[in-house]
Amino acid sequence: LYLGAGFLALALGALGVILPILPTTPFVLLAAGCFARGSERFHNKLLANRIAGPIIRDWCLYHSMPRRAKRWAYALMAISFGSSILIVPEIWQKIMLVVIAGILVFYISRIPVREMPINS
């Protein structure tokens, strides 16, 4: 069950890269949690991934995100939601997208920021 849930969460996270309404990071974190309980092999593969691995490790260690990642999240949300709002024809769809974007911005704003050390 954990292995199946992990793959489902990972697939939803991958879709979240393309679809503006679907978040990516929570699904990748959920997949990591499921794989940690269901398959050490897939958990290690996810942690070894150059993109997802550092995000998962940082979340597990600090329950925070770097300021740079937060800025990227805001910028990508603005681009994806902004373009979606311009594309959809109905006013109720535009309002729905604004509300969802507002909820996501509120959620991300509540995640603590972890200052990254400056490399010399």
N, C-alpha and C. Protein backbone atom coordinates (compact mmCIF):
# COMPACT_ATOMS: atom_id res chain seq x y z
N LEU A 1 0.82 -1.21 0.00
CA LEU A 1 0.00 0.00 0.00
C LEU A 1 0.86 1.26 0.00
N TYR A 2 1.92 1.25 0.83
CA TYR A 2 2.79 2.43 0.88
C TYR A 2 3.50 2.65 -0.46
N LEU A 3 3.93 1.57 -1.07
CA LEU A 3 4.63 1.67 -2.35
C LEU A 3 3.69 2.23 -3.43
N GLY A 4 2.47 1.73 -3.49
CA GLY A 4 1.49 2.24 -4.45
C GLY A 4 1.15 3.69 -4.19
N ALA A 5 0.96 4.04 -2.92
CA ALA A 5 0.66 5.43 -2.57
C ALA A 5 1.83 6.34 -2.92
N GLY A 6 3.05 5.83 -2.74
CA GLY A 6 4.24 6.61 -3.08
C GLY A 6 4.31 6.91 -4.57
N PHE A 7 4.05 5.90 -5.39
CA PHE A 7 4.06 6.11 -6.84
C PHE A 7 2.94 7.04 -7.28
N LEU A 8 1.76 6.91 -6.67
CA LEU A 8 0.65 7.80 -6.99
C LEU A 8 1.00 9.25 -6.62
N ALA A 9 1.57 9.44 -5.44
CA ALA A 9 1.95 10.78 -5.01
C ALA A 9 3.04 11.35 -5.92
N LEU A 10 3.99 10.52 -6.31
CA LEU A 10 5.05 10.97 -7.20
C LEU A 10 4.49 11.35 -8.57
N ALA A 11 3.53 10.59 -9.08
CA ALA A 11 2.90 10.90 -10.36
C ALA A 11 2.13 12.22 -10.26
N LEU A 12 1.42 12.44 -9.16
CA LEU A 12 0.70 13.70 -8.97
C LEU A 12 1.67 14.87 -8.86
N GLY A 13 2.80 14.64 -8.19
CA GLY A 13 3.82 15.67 -8.11
C GLY A 13 4.39 16.01 -9.47
N ALA A 14 4.59 15.01 -10.31
CA ALA A 14 5.08 15.24 -11.67
C ALA A 14 4.06 16.02 -12.48
N LEU A 15 2.79 15.70 -12.30
CA LEU A 15 1.73 16.47 -12.98
C LEU A 15 1.70 17.91 -12.50
N GLY A 16 2.04 18.10 -11.22
CA GLY A 16 2.04 19.44 -10.65
C GLY A 16 3.07 20.36 -11.29
N VAL A 17 4.09 19.79 -11.92
CA VAL A 17 5.07 20.60 -12.63
C VAL A 17 4.41 21.27 -13.83
N ILE A 18 3.44 20.58 -14.43
CA ILE A 18 2.79 21.07 -15.65
C ILE A 18 1.51 21.84 -15.34
N LEU A 19 0.72 21.32 -14.41
CA LEU A 19 -0.59 21.91 -14.12
C LEU A 19 -0.47 22.96 -13.01
N PRO A 20 -0.99 24.16 -13.23
CA PRO A 20 -0.81 25.23 -12.25
C PRO A 20 -1.57 25.02 -10.94
N ILE A 21 -2.64 24.26 -10.95
CA ILE A 21 -3.45 24.11 -9.74
C ILE A 21 -2.89 23.04 -8.81
N LEU A 22 -2.15 22.10 -9.35
CA LEU A 22 -1.65 20.97 -8.58
C LEU A 22 -0.26 21.29 -8.02
N PRO A 23 -0.09 21.25 -6.69
CA PRO A 23 1.23 21.55 -6.13
C PRO A 23 2.18 20.36 -6.31
N THR A 24 3.45 20.63 -6.45
CA THR A 24 4.45 19.58 -6.66
C THR A 24 5.08 19.12 -5.36
N THR A 25 5.61 20.05 -4.58
CA THR A 25 6.41 19.70 -3.41
C THR A 25 5.67 18.85 -2.39
N PRO A 26 4.42 19.17 -2.02
CA PRO A 26 3.75 18.32 -1.03
C PRO A 26 3.61 16.87 -1.49
N PHE A 27 3.37 16.67 -2.78
CA PHE A 27 3.24 15.30 -3.28
C PHE A 27 4.58 14.58 -3.29
N VAL A 28 5.66 15.29 -3.59
CA VAL A 28 6.99 14.66 -3.55
C VAL A 28 7.35 14.30 -2.11
N LEU A 29 7.01 15.19 -1.17
CA LEU A 29 7.26 14.88 0.25
C LEU A 29 6.42 13.70 0.71
N LEU A 30 5.17 13.63 0.26
CA LEU A 30 4.31 12.50 0.59
C LEU A 30 4.89 11.21 0.00
N ALA A 31 5.36 11.27 -1.23
CA ALA A 31 5.97 10.10 -1.86
C ALA A 31 7.19 9.64 -1.06
N ALA A 32 7.99 10.58 -0.60
CA ALA A 32 9.17 10.22 0.20
C ALA A 32 8.75 9.53 1.50
N GLY A 33 7.71 10.04 2.13
CA GLY A 33 7.22 9.41 3.36
C GLY A 33 6.69 8.01 3.11
N CYS A 34 5.96 7.84 2.02
CA CYS A 34 5.42 6.52 1.68
C CYS A 34 6.55 5.55 1.33
N PHE A 35 7.52 6.02 0.54
CA PHE A 35 8.64 5.16 0.17
C PHE A 35 9.49 4.80 1.39
N ALA A 36 9.60 5.71 2.35
CA ALA A 36 10.37 5.42 3.56
C ALA A 36 9.77 4.25 4.33
N ARG A 37 8.45 4.10 4.24
CA ARG A 37 7.78 3.00 4.94
C ARG A 37 7.58 1.76 4.06
N GLY A 38 7.58 1.96 2.73
CA GLY A 38 7.25 0.87 1.84
C GLY A 38 8.39 0.29 1.03
N SER A 39 9.42 1.08 0.75
CA SER A 39 10.51 0.60 -0.09
C SER A 39 11.77 1.43 0.15
N GLU A 40 12.73 0.84 0.82
CA GLU A 40 13.99 1.55 1.07
C GLU A 40 14.68 1.90 -0.24
N ARG A 41 14.57 1.00 -1.23
CA ARG A 41 15.20 1.22 -2.53
C ARG A 41 14.67 2.48 -3.21
N PHE A 42 13.35 2.62 -3.29
CA PHE A 42 12.77 3.80 -3.94
C PHE A 42 12.96 5.06 -3.11
N HIS A 43 12.95 4.92 -1.80
CA HIS A 43 13.20 6.07 -0.92
C HIS A 43 14.61 6.60 -1.18
N ASN A 44 15.59 5.71 -1.26
CA ASN A 44 16.97 6.12 -1.52
C ASN A 44 17.12 6.73 -2.91
N LYS A 45 16.39 6.18 -3.89
CA LYS A 45 16.43 6.75 -5.25
C LYS A 45 15.87 8.18 -5.25
N LEU A 46 14.79 8.39 -4.51
CA LEU A 46 14.20 9.72 -4.45
C LEU A 46 15.15 10.69 -3.75
N LEU A 47 15.78 10.23 -2.68
CA LEU A 47 16.73 11.09 -1.97
C LEU A 47 17.98 11.38 -2.81
N ALA A 48 18.33 10.48 -3.71
CA ALA A 48 19.51 10.66 -4.56
C ALA A 48 19.21 11.56 -5.77
N ASN A 49 17.94 11.84 -6.03
CA ASN A 49 17.58 12.68 -7.16
C ASN A 49 18.13 14.09 -6.94
N ARG A 50 18.74 14.65 -7.98
CA ARG A 50 19.41 15.95 -7.83
C ARG A 50 18.44 17.11 -7.58
N ILE A 51 17.19 16.95 -7.98
CA ILE A 51 16.21 18.02 -7.77
C ILE A 51 15.40 17.78 -6.50
N ALA A 52 14.81 16.61 -6.37
CA ALA A 52 13.92 16.33 -5.24
C ALA A 52 14.69 16.02 -3.96
N GLY A 53 15.87 15.39 -4.07
CA GLY A 53 16.62 14.96 -2.90
C GLY A 53 16.91 16.06 -1.89
N PRO A 54 17.51 17.18 -2.31
CA PRO A 54 17.80 18.25 -1.35
C PRO A 54 16.55 18.83 -0.70
N ILE A 55 15.46 18.93 -1.46
CA ILE A 55 14.21 19.47 -0.90
C ILE A 55 13.70 18.55 0.20
N ILE A 56 13.73 17.25 -0.06
CA ILE A 56 13.23 16.28 0.93
C ILE A 56 14.11 16.29 2.18
N ARG A 57 15.43 16.26 1.97
CA ARG A 57 16.35 16.27 3.13
C ARG A 57 16.18 17.53 3.97
N ASP A 58 16.09 18.70 3.29
CA ASP A 58 15.90 19.95 4.04
C ASP A 58 14.60 19.93 4.83
N TRP A 59 13.54 19.42 4.21
CA TRP A 59 12.26 19.40 4.91
C TRP A 59 12.33 18.46 6.12
N CYS A 60 12.95 17.31 5.94
CA CYS A 60 13.06 16.35 7.06
C CYS A 60 13.91 16.89 8.19
N LEU A 61 14.99 17.59 7.85
CA LEU A 61 15.89 18.10 8.88
C LEU A 61 15.40 19.38 9.54
N TYR A 62 14.87 20.30 8.76
CA TYR A 62 14.60 21.65 9.28
C TYR A 62 13.13 22.07 9.25
N HIS A 63 12.28 21.36 8.56
CA HIS A 63 10.87 21.74 8.38
C HIS A 63 10.76 23.20 7.94
N SER A 64 11.62 23.55 6.98
CA SER A 64 11.63 24.91 6.44
C SER A 64 12.11 24.83 5.00
N MET A 65 12.14 25.99 4.36
CA MET A 65 12.64 26.02 2.98
C MET A 65 13.55 27.22 2.81
N PRO A 66 14.53 27.09 1.93
CA PRO A 66 15.43 28.24 1.69
C PRO A 66 14.67 29.41 1.07
N ARG A 67 15.14 30.60 1.36
CA ARG A 67 14.50 31.81 0.82
C ARG A 67 14.45 31.78 -0.70
N ARG A 68 15.52 31.28 -1.32
CA ARG A 68 15.56 31.21 -2.79
C ARG A 68 14.44 30.30 -3.33
N ALA A 69 14.22 29.17 -2.66
CA ALA A 69 13.16 28.25 -3.10
C ALA A 69 11.79 28.90 -2.94
N LYS A 70 11.63 29.67 -1.88
CA LYS A 70 10.36 30.35 -1.66
C LYS A 70 10.12 31.39 -2.76
N ARG A 71 11.16 32.12 -3.12
CA ARG A 71 11.02 33.11 -4.19
C ARG A 71 10.67 32.43 -5.51
N TRP A 72 11.32 31.30 -5.79
CA TRP A 72 11.01 30.55 -7.01
C TRP A 72 9.55 30.09 -7.00
N ALA A 73 9.09 29.62 -5.85
CA ALA A 73 7.71 29.16 -5.74
C ALA A 73 6.74 30.30 -6.04
N TYR A 74 6.99 31.46 -5.46
CA TYR A 74 6.12 32.61 -5.72
C TYR A 74 6.15 33.01 -7.19
N ALA A 75 7.34 33.05 -7.79
CA ALA A 75 7.48 33.46 -9.18
C ALA A 75 6.77 32.48 -10.12
N LEU A 76 6.98 31.19 -9.91
CA LEU A 76 6.34 30.19 -10.77
C LEU A 76 4.82 30.19 -10.59
N MET A 77 4.37 30.41 -9.36
CA MET A 77 2.91 30.50 -9.14
C MET A 77 2.34 31.72 -9.86
N ALA A 78 3.04 32.85 -9.79
CA ALA A 78 2.56 34.06 -10.46
C ALA A 78 2.47 33.84 -11.97
N ILE A 79 3.48 33.20 -12.53
CA ILE A 79 3.47 32.95 -13.98
C ILE A 79 2.36 31.98 -14.36
N SER A 80 2.27 30.86 -13.64
CA SER A 80 1.29 29.84 -14.03
C SER A 80 -0.14 30.29 -13.75
N PHE A 81 -0.39 30.86 -12.58
CA PHE A 81 -1.74 31.31 -12.29
C PHE A 81 -2.11 32.54 -13.13
N GLY A 82 -1.15 33.44 -13.33
CA GLY A 82 -1.41 34.62 -14.15
C GLY A 82 -1.79 34.26 -15.57
N SER A 83 -1.03 33.35 -16.16
CA SER A 83 -1.35 32.94 -17.54
C SER A 83 -2.67 32.17 -17.58
N SER A 84 -2.93 31.35 -16.57
CA SER A 84 -4.20 30.61 -16.55
C SER A 84 -5.39 31.55 -16.41
N ILE A 85 -5.24 32.58 -15.60
CA ILE A 85 -6.32 33.54 -15.42
C ILE A 85 -6.60 34.28 -16.72
N LEU A 86 -5.55 34.57 -17.47
CA LEU A 86 -5.75 35.24 -18.76
C LEU A 86 -6.40 34.33 -19.80
N ILE A 87 -6.17 33.04 -19.69
CA ILE A 87 -6.66 32.09 -20.70
C ILE A 87 -8.11 31.68 -20.48
N VAL A 88 -8.49 31.42 -19.23
CA VAL A 88 -9.84 30.90 -18.99
C VAL A 88 -10.89 31.96 -19.32
N PRO A 89 -12.01 31.52 -19.92
CA PRO A 89 -13.00 32.50 -20.40
C PRO A 89 -14.01 32.97 -19.33
N GLU A 90 -14.36 32.12 -18.42
CA GLU A 90 -15.44 32.44 -17.48
C GLU A 90 -14.93 33.17 -16.25
N ILE A 91 -15.71 34.10 -15.76
CA ILE A 91 -15.32 34.88 -14.58
C ILE A 91 -15.22 33.99 -13.34
N TRP A 92 -16.11 32.99 -13.21
CA TRP A 92 -16.05 32.12 -12.04
C TRP A 92 -14.76 31.31 -12.03
N GLN A 93 -14.24 30.99 -13.21
CA GLN A 93 -12.97 30.27 -13.29
C GLN A 93 -11.81 31.17 -12.86
N LYS A 94 -11.88 32.42 -13.28
CA LYS A 94 -10.85 33.38 -12.88
C LYS A 94 -10.86 33.57 -11.36
N ILE A 95 -12.04 33.69 -10.80
CA ILE A 95 -12.18 33.87 -9.35
C ILE A 95 -11.65 32.64 -8.61
N MET A 96 -12.00 31.45 -9.12
CA MET A 96 -11.52 30.21 -8.50
C MET A 96 -10.00 30.16 -8.51
N LEU A 97 -9.37 30.52 -9.63
CA LEU A 97 -7.92 30.50 -9.72
C LEU A 97 -7.28 31.50 -8.76
N VAL A 98 -7.89 32.68 -8.63
CA VAL A 98 -7.37 33.69 -7.70
C VAL A 98 -7.46 33.17 -6.27
N VAL A 99 -8.57 32.52 -5.92
CA VAL A 99 -8.74 31.98 -4.57
C VAL A 99 -7.72 30.87 -4.30
N ILE A 100 -7.54 29.96 -5.24
CA ILE A 100 -6.57 28.87 -5.06
C ILE A 100 -5.16 29.44 -4.94
N ALA A 101 -4.82 30.42 -5.78
CA ALA A 101 -3.50 31.05 -5.70
C ALA A 101 -3.31 31.72 -4.34
N GLY A 102 -4.35 32.38 -3.87
CA GLY A 102 -4.28 33.02 -2.55
C GLY A 102 -4.04 32.02 -1.43
N ILE A 103 -4.71 30.88 -1.50
CA ILE A 103 -4.51 29.83 -0.49
C ILE A 103 -3.08 29.30 -0.54
N LEU A 104 -2.57 29.08 -1.74
CA LEU A 104 -1.20 28.59 -1.88
C LEU A 104 -0.18 29.61 -1.38
N VAL A 105 -0.39 30.87 -1.70
CA VAL A 105 0.52 31.92 -1.22
C VAL A 105 0.49 31.97 0.31
N PHE A 106 -0.70 31.88 0.89
CA PHE A 106 -0.82 31.88 2.35
C PHE A 106 -0.08 30.68 2.95
N TYR A 107 -0.26 29.50 2.37
CA TYR A 107 0.40 28.29 2.87
C TYR A 107 1.92 28.43 2.79
N ILE A 108 2.42 28.86 1.65
CA ILE A 108 3.87 28.99 1.48
C ILE A 108 4.44 30.08 2.39
N SER A 109 3.68 31.15 2.59
CA SER A 109 4.17 32.24 3.45
C SER A 109 4.32 31.79 4.90
N ARG A 110 3.60 30.76 5.30
CA ARG A 110 3.67 30.27 6.68
C ARG A 110 4.82 29.29 6.91
N ILE A 111 5.44 28.81 5.84
CA ILE A 111 6.58 27.90 5.98
C ILE A 111 7.79 28.72 6.40
N PRO A 112 8.47 28.32 7.47
CA PRO A 112 9.64 29.09 7.92
C PRO A 112 10.73 29.12 6.86
N VAL A 113 11.50 30.22 6.86
CA VAL A 113 12.61 30.37 5.93
C VAL A 113 13.89 29.96 6.66
N ARG A 114 14.70 29.17 5.96
CA ARG A 114 16.00 28.78 6.50
C ARG A 114 17.05 29.47 5.66
N GLU A 115 17.85 30.29 6.33
CA GLU A 115 18.92 31.00 5.63
C GLU A 115 20.01 30.02 5.25
N MET A 116 20.43 30.06 4.00
CA MET A 116 21.48 29.19 3.51
C MET A 116 22.83 29.83 3.84
N PRO A 117 23.82 29.01 4.20
CA PRO A 117 25.16 29.58 4.45
C PRO A 117 25.75 30.12 3.14
N ILE A 118 26.50 31.19 3.25
CA ILE A 118 27.13 31.80 2.09
C ILE A 118 28.44 31.05 1.80
N ASN A 119 28.56 30.57 0.56
CA ASN A 119 29.77 29.85 0.16
C ASN A 119 30.89 30.84 -0.13
N SER A 120 32.04 30.57 0.40
CA SER A 120 33.18 31.47 0.19
C SER A 120 33.92 31.10 -1.07
